[in-house]
């Protein structure tokens, strides 16, 4: 599996250390193991997880400019855990309302010795951010309008929303509230993944 991940990463311009490779593989192994009992992801095959979960998450790492992120509706830790492994100098709060997912994430950060992740069990609209985050991340979470409406209290002044999407939907952008706008749409190249992937960068208007 490690060799397969190395081959996938070689098709990108990402730099990954041996320790990061081991942690990414360790995460897939734990996800595969826990998935049998906890049903954390519909992807059952670890090799598919490498593409659909690991690569699909880490291709975003080069676009993370700030230092403090929150991953809302993180599920089993996606994209937060792979991004935290790739960006050890940044901190990630992983938010989900389901206890079993947060228990899994706690186990992952314990076993893989990941020190820059804080798991939180909460509904997003009830979570209070003390200082605000550089960016709010979401992957397969909700429509962009729902995302920014539910998470409007989370970014600090000048912060961003980063939505990981399949196809970019013009209608979704048109449905955004007046205070928020799309500033950039980046096309993502995910090796061996069928279909389009995009990173949509949104910000609150001043």
Protein backbone atom coordinates (compact mmCIF):
# COMPACT_ATOMS: atom_id res chain seq x y z
CA UNK A 1 0.00 0.00 0.00
CA UNK A 2 2.87 2.36 0.78
CA UNK A 3 4.35 1.78 -2.67
CA UNK A 4 0.98 2.61 -4.20
CA UNK A 5 0.77 5.87 -2.23
CA UNK A 6 4.31 6.80 -3.29
CA UNK A 7 3.31 6.24 -6.94
CA UNK A 8 0.23 8.45 -6.55
CA UNK A 9 2.15 11.25 -4.84
CA UNK A 10 4.81 11.07 -7.57
CA UNK A 11 2.12 12.24 -10.03
CA UNK A 12 1.80 15.51 -8.08
CA UNK A 13 4.26 18.20 -6.99
CA UNK A 14 3.78 17.36 -3.29
CA UNK A 15 6.79 16.70 -1.05
CA UNK A 16 6.14 13.99 1.54
CA UNK A 17 8.56 12.70 4.19
CA UNK A 18 8.92 9.07 5.24
CA UNK A 19 7.19 9.84 8.55
CA UNK A 20 4.27 11.49 6.73
CA UNK A 21 3.93 8.48 4.43
CA UNK A 22 3.84 6.16 7.45
CA UNK A 23 1.20 8.32 9.16
CA UNK A 24 -0.99 8.52 6.05
CA UNK A 25 -0.82 4.74 5.63
CA UNK A 26 -1.44 4.26 9.36
CA UNK A 27 -4.56 6.41 9.06
CA UNK A 28 -5.91 4.30 6.18
CA UNK A 29 -5.21 1.11 8.13
CA UNK A 30 -7.07 2.43 11.19
CA UNK A 31 -9.95 3.68 9.05
CA UNK A 32 -10.23 0.29 7.36
CA UNK A 33 -10.13 -1.52 10.73
CA UNK A 34 -12.67 0.70 12.49
CA UNK A 35 -14.91 0.91 9.45
CA UNK A 36 -16.02 -2.70 9.84
CA UNK A 37 -17.67 -1.95 13.18
CA UNK A 38 -18.41 1.77 13.00
CA UNK A 39 -19.30 2.32 9.33
CA UNK A 40 -17.26 5.54 9.06
CA UNK A 41 -16.98 5.65 5.27
CA UNK A 42 -18.72 4.00 2.32
CA UNK A 43 -15.30 3.33 0.76
CA UNK A 44 -14.37 -0.21 1.83
CA UNK A 45 -11.16 -0.92 -0.09
CA UNK A 46 -7.98 0.58 1.46
CA UNK A 47 -6.48 1.13 -2.01
CA UNK A 48 -9.56 3.14 -2.96
CA UNK A 49 -9.20 5.09 0.28
CA UNK A 50 -5.72 6.13 -0.84
CA UNK A 51 -7.22 7.90 -3.86
CA UNK A 52 -10.65 9.01 -2.64
CA UNK A 53 -9.66 10.04 0.88
CA UNK A 54 -5.91 10.61 1.10
CA UNK A 55 -5.01 12.07 -2.29
CA UNK A 56 -8.30 13.93 -2.56
CA UNK A 57 -7.47 15.66 0.74
CA UNK A 58 -3.72 16.29 0.50
CA UNK A 59 -3.79 17.97 -2.93
CA UNK A 60 -5.33 20.92 -1.07
CA UNK A 61 -2.34 21.28 1.29
CA UNK A 62 -0.41 23.66 -0.96
CA UNK A 63 -3.29 26.15 -0.86
CA UNK A 64 -3.33 26.49 2.93
CA UNK A 65 -1.74 29.85 3.69
CA UNK A 66 -2.82 30.45 7.29
CA UNK A 67 -1.98 28.55 10.46
CA UNK A 68 -5.29 27.81 12.17
CA UNK A 69 -8.04 25.75 10.50
CA UNK A 70 -11.35 24.17 11.38
CA UNK A 71 -12.70 21.18 9.43
CA UNK A 72 -16.50 21.18 9.80
CA UNK A 73 -18.48 17.97 9.39
CA UNK A 74 -15.15 16.17 9.35
CA UNK A 75 -16.67 12.67 9.51
CA UNK A 76 -13.78 10.27 10.17
CA UNK A 77 -11.30 13.17 9.86
CA UNK A 78 -11.45 14.18 6.20
CA UNK A 79 -9.75 16.27 4.96
CA UNK A 80 -8.47 17.34 8.39
CA UNK A 81 -6.27 14.39 9.37
CA UNK A 82 -4.42 14.01 6.04
CA UNK A 83 -3.94 17.81 5.93
CA UNK A 84 -2.68 17.89 9.52
CA UNK A 85 -0.15 15.18 8.63
CA UNK A 86 0.96 17.17 5.57
CA UNK A 87 1.11 20.50 7.45
CA UNK A 88 2.61 19.80 10.90
CA UNK A 89 3.22 23.53 11.45
CA UNK A 90 -0.52 24.34 11.22
CA UNK A 91 -3.25 23.52 13.74
CA UNK A 92 -6.55 21.85 12.89
CA UNK A 93 -9.79 21.65 14.87
CA UNK A 94 -11.92 18.72 13.64
CA UNK A 95 -15.60 19.18 14.31
CA UNK A 96 -18.34 16.56 14.06
CA UNK A 97 -21.61 15.97 15.88
CA UNK A 98 -21.29 12.15 16.02
CA UNK A 99 -19.48 10.67 18.99
CA UNK A 100 -18.22 7.54 17.19
CA UNK A 101 -16.39 9.69 14.63
CA UNK A 102 -14.72 11.83 17.29
CA UNK A 103 -13.72 8.69 19.25
CA UNK A 104 -12.12 7.35 16.09
CA UNK A 105 -10.23 10.61 15.49
CA UNK A 106 -8.97 10.59 19.10
CA UNK A 107 -7.66 7.06 18.57
CA UNK A 108 -5.94 8.09 15.33
CA UNK A 109 -4.13 11.06 16.83
CA UNK A 110 -3.09 8.92 19.82
CA UNK A 111 -1.77 5.98 17.78
CA UNK A 112 -0.12 8.06 15.04
CA UNK A 113 1.21 10.69 17.49
CA UNK A 114 -0.40 13.59 15.63
CA UNK A 115 0.02 16.68 17.82
CA UNK A 116 -1.68 19.43 15.78
CA UNK A 117 -5.29 18.16 15.80
CA UNK A 118 -8.04 19.02 18.31
CA UNK A 119 -11.18 16.84 17.94
CA UNK A 120 -14.47 18.44 19.04
CA UNK A 121 -17.89 16.84 19.23
CA UNK A 122 -20.42 19.56 18.55
CA UNK A 123 -22.98 20.79 16.07
CA UNK A 124 -21.30 23.45 13.98
CA UNK A 125 -23.83 26.18 14.79
CA UNK A 126 -23.33 25.59 18.54
CA UNK A 127 -19.52 25.66 18.49
CA UNK A 128 -17.98 28.86 19.79
CA UNK A 129 -14.62 29.87 18.35
CA UNK A 130 -12.68 32.10 20.74
CA UNK A 131 -10.36 33.81 18.28
CA UNK A 132 -11.72 32.66 14.95
CA UNK A 133 -9.93 30.60 12.30
CA UNK A 134 -7.87 31.52 9.25
CA UNK A 135 -10.16 29.28 7.23
CA UNK A 136 -13.12 26.94 7.53
CA UNK A 137 -12.66 23.71 5.56
CA UNK A 138 -15.44 21.47 4.37
CA UNK A 139 -15.51 18.40 2.18
CA UNK A 140 -18.76 16.78 1.07
CA UNK A 141 -20.47 18.76 3.80
CA UNK A 142 -23.39 20.75 2.43
CA UNK A 143 -24.21 23.33 -0.21
CA UNK A 144 -21.92 26.35 -0.12
CA UNK A 145 -24.81 28.54 1.05
CA UNK A 146 -25.53 26.19 3.98
CA UNK A 147 -21.84 25.98 4.77
CA UNK A 148 -21.30 29.74 5.04
CA UNK A 149 -24.59 30.34 6.85
CA UNK A 150 -23.89 27.64 9.47
CA UNK A 151 -20.21 28.56 9.81
CA UNK A 152 -20.35 32.35 9.48
CA UNK A 153 -19.19 32.79 13.11
CA UNK A 154 -16.04 30.66 12.69
CA UNK A 155 -13.55 32.55 10.47
CA UNK A 156 -11.71 35.50 11.95
CA UNK A 157 -11.90 38.86 10.22
CA UNK A 158 -10.47 38.40 6.73
CA UNK A 159 -10.71 34.61 7.07
CA UNK A 160 -11.89 32.30 4.31
CA UNK A 161 -14.16 29.36 3.62
CA UNK A 162 -12.56 26.53 1.64
CA UNK A 163 -15.08 24.14 0.09
CA UNK A 164 -13.83 20.91 -1.50
CA UNK A 165 -16.23 20.16 -4.31
CA UNK A 166 -16.67 17.86 -7.27
CA UNK A 167 -17.97 19.89 -10.18
CA UNK A 168 -18.15 23.63 -9.62
CA UNK A 169 -21.81 24.59 -9.57
CA UNK A 170 -22.63 28.13 -10.78
CA UNK A 171 -26.10 27.87 -9.27
CA UNK A 172 -24.65 27.08 -5.85
CA UNK A 173 -22.53 30.21 -6.10
CA UNK A 174 -25.57 32.25 -7.14
CA UNK A 175 -27.44 31.03 -4.05
CA UNK A 176 -24.83 32.40 -1.64
CA UNK A 177 -25.98 35.06 0.84
CA UNK A 178 -25.19 38.66 -0.06
CA UNK A 179 -22.41 39.00 2.50
CA UNK A 180 -20.33 36.22 0.98
CA UNK A 181 -18.68 35.76 -2.41
CA UNK A 182 -16.51 33.30 -4.35
CA UNK A 183 -13.01 34.73 -4.76
CA UNK A 184 -11.37 31.82 -6.53
CA UNK A 185 -12.11 28.39 -7.96
CA UNK A 186 -9.08 26.11 -8.23
CA UNK A 187 -9.22 22.97 -10.35
CA UNK A 188 -7.62 20.09 -8.44
CA UNK A 189 -5.78 17.23 -10.12
CA UNK A 190 -6.21 14.06 -8.08
CA UNK A 191 -4.27 11.10 -9.54
CA UNK A 192 -6.47 8.11 -10.50
CA UNK A 193 -9.68 9.84 -9.38
CA UNK A 194 -12.55 9.86 -11.84
CA UNK A 195 -14.54 13.06 -12.15
CA UNK A 196 -13.72 16.68 -11.47
CA UNK A 197 -12.50 18.13 -8.17
CA UNK A 198 -12.41 21.80 -7.25
CA UNK A 199 -11.41 23.94 -4.31
CA UNK A 200 -13.78 26.90 -3.97
CA UNK A 201 -12.41 29.81 -1.95
CA UNK A 202 -15.07 32.08 -0.42
CA UNK A 203 -14.78 35.14 1.73
CA UNK A 204 -17.04 37.55 3.56
CA UNK A 205 -17.37 40.90 1.84
CA UNK A 206 -16.05 43.83 3.84
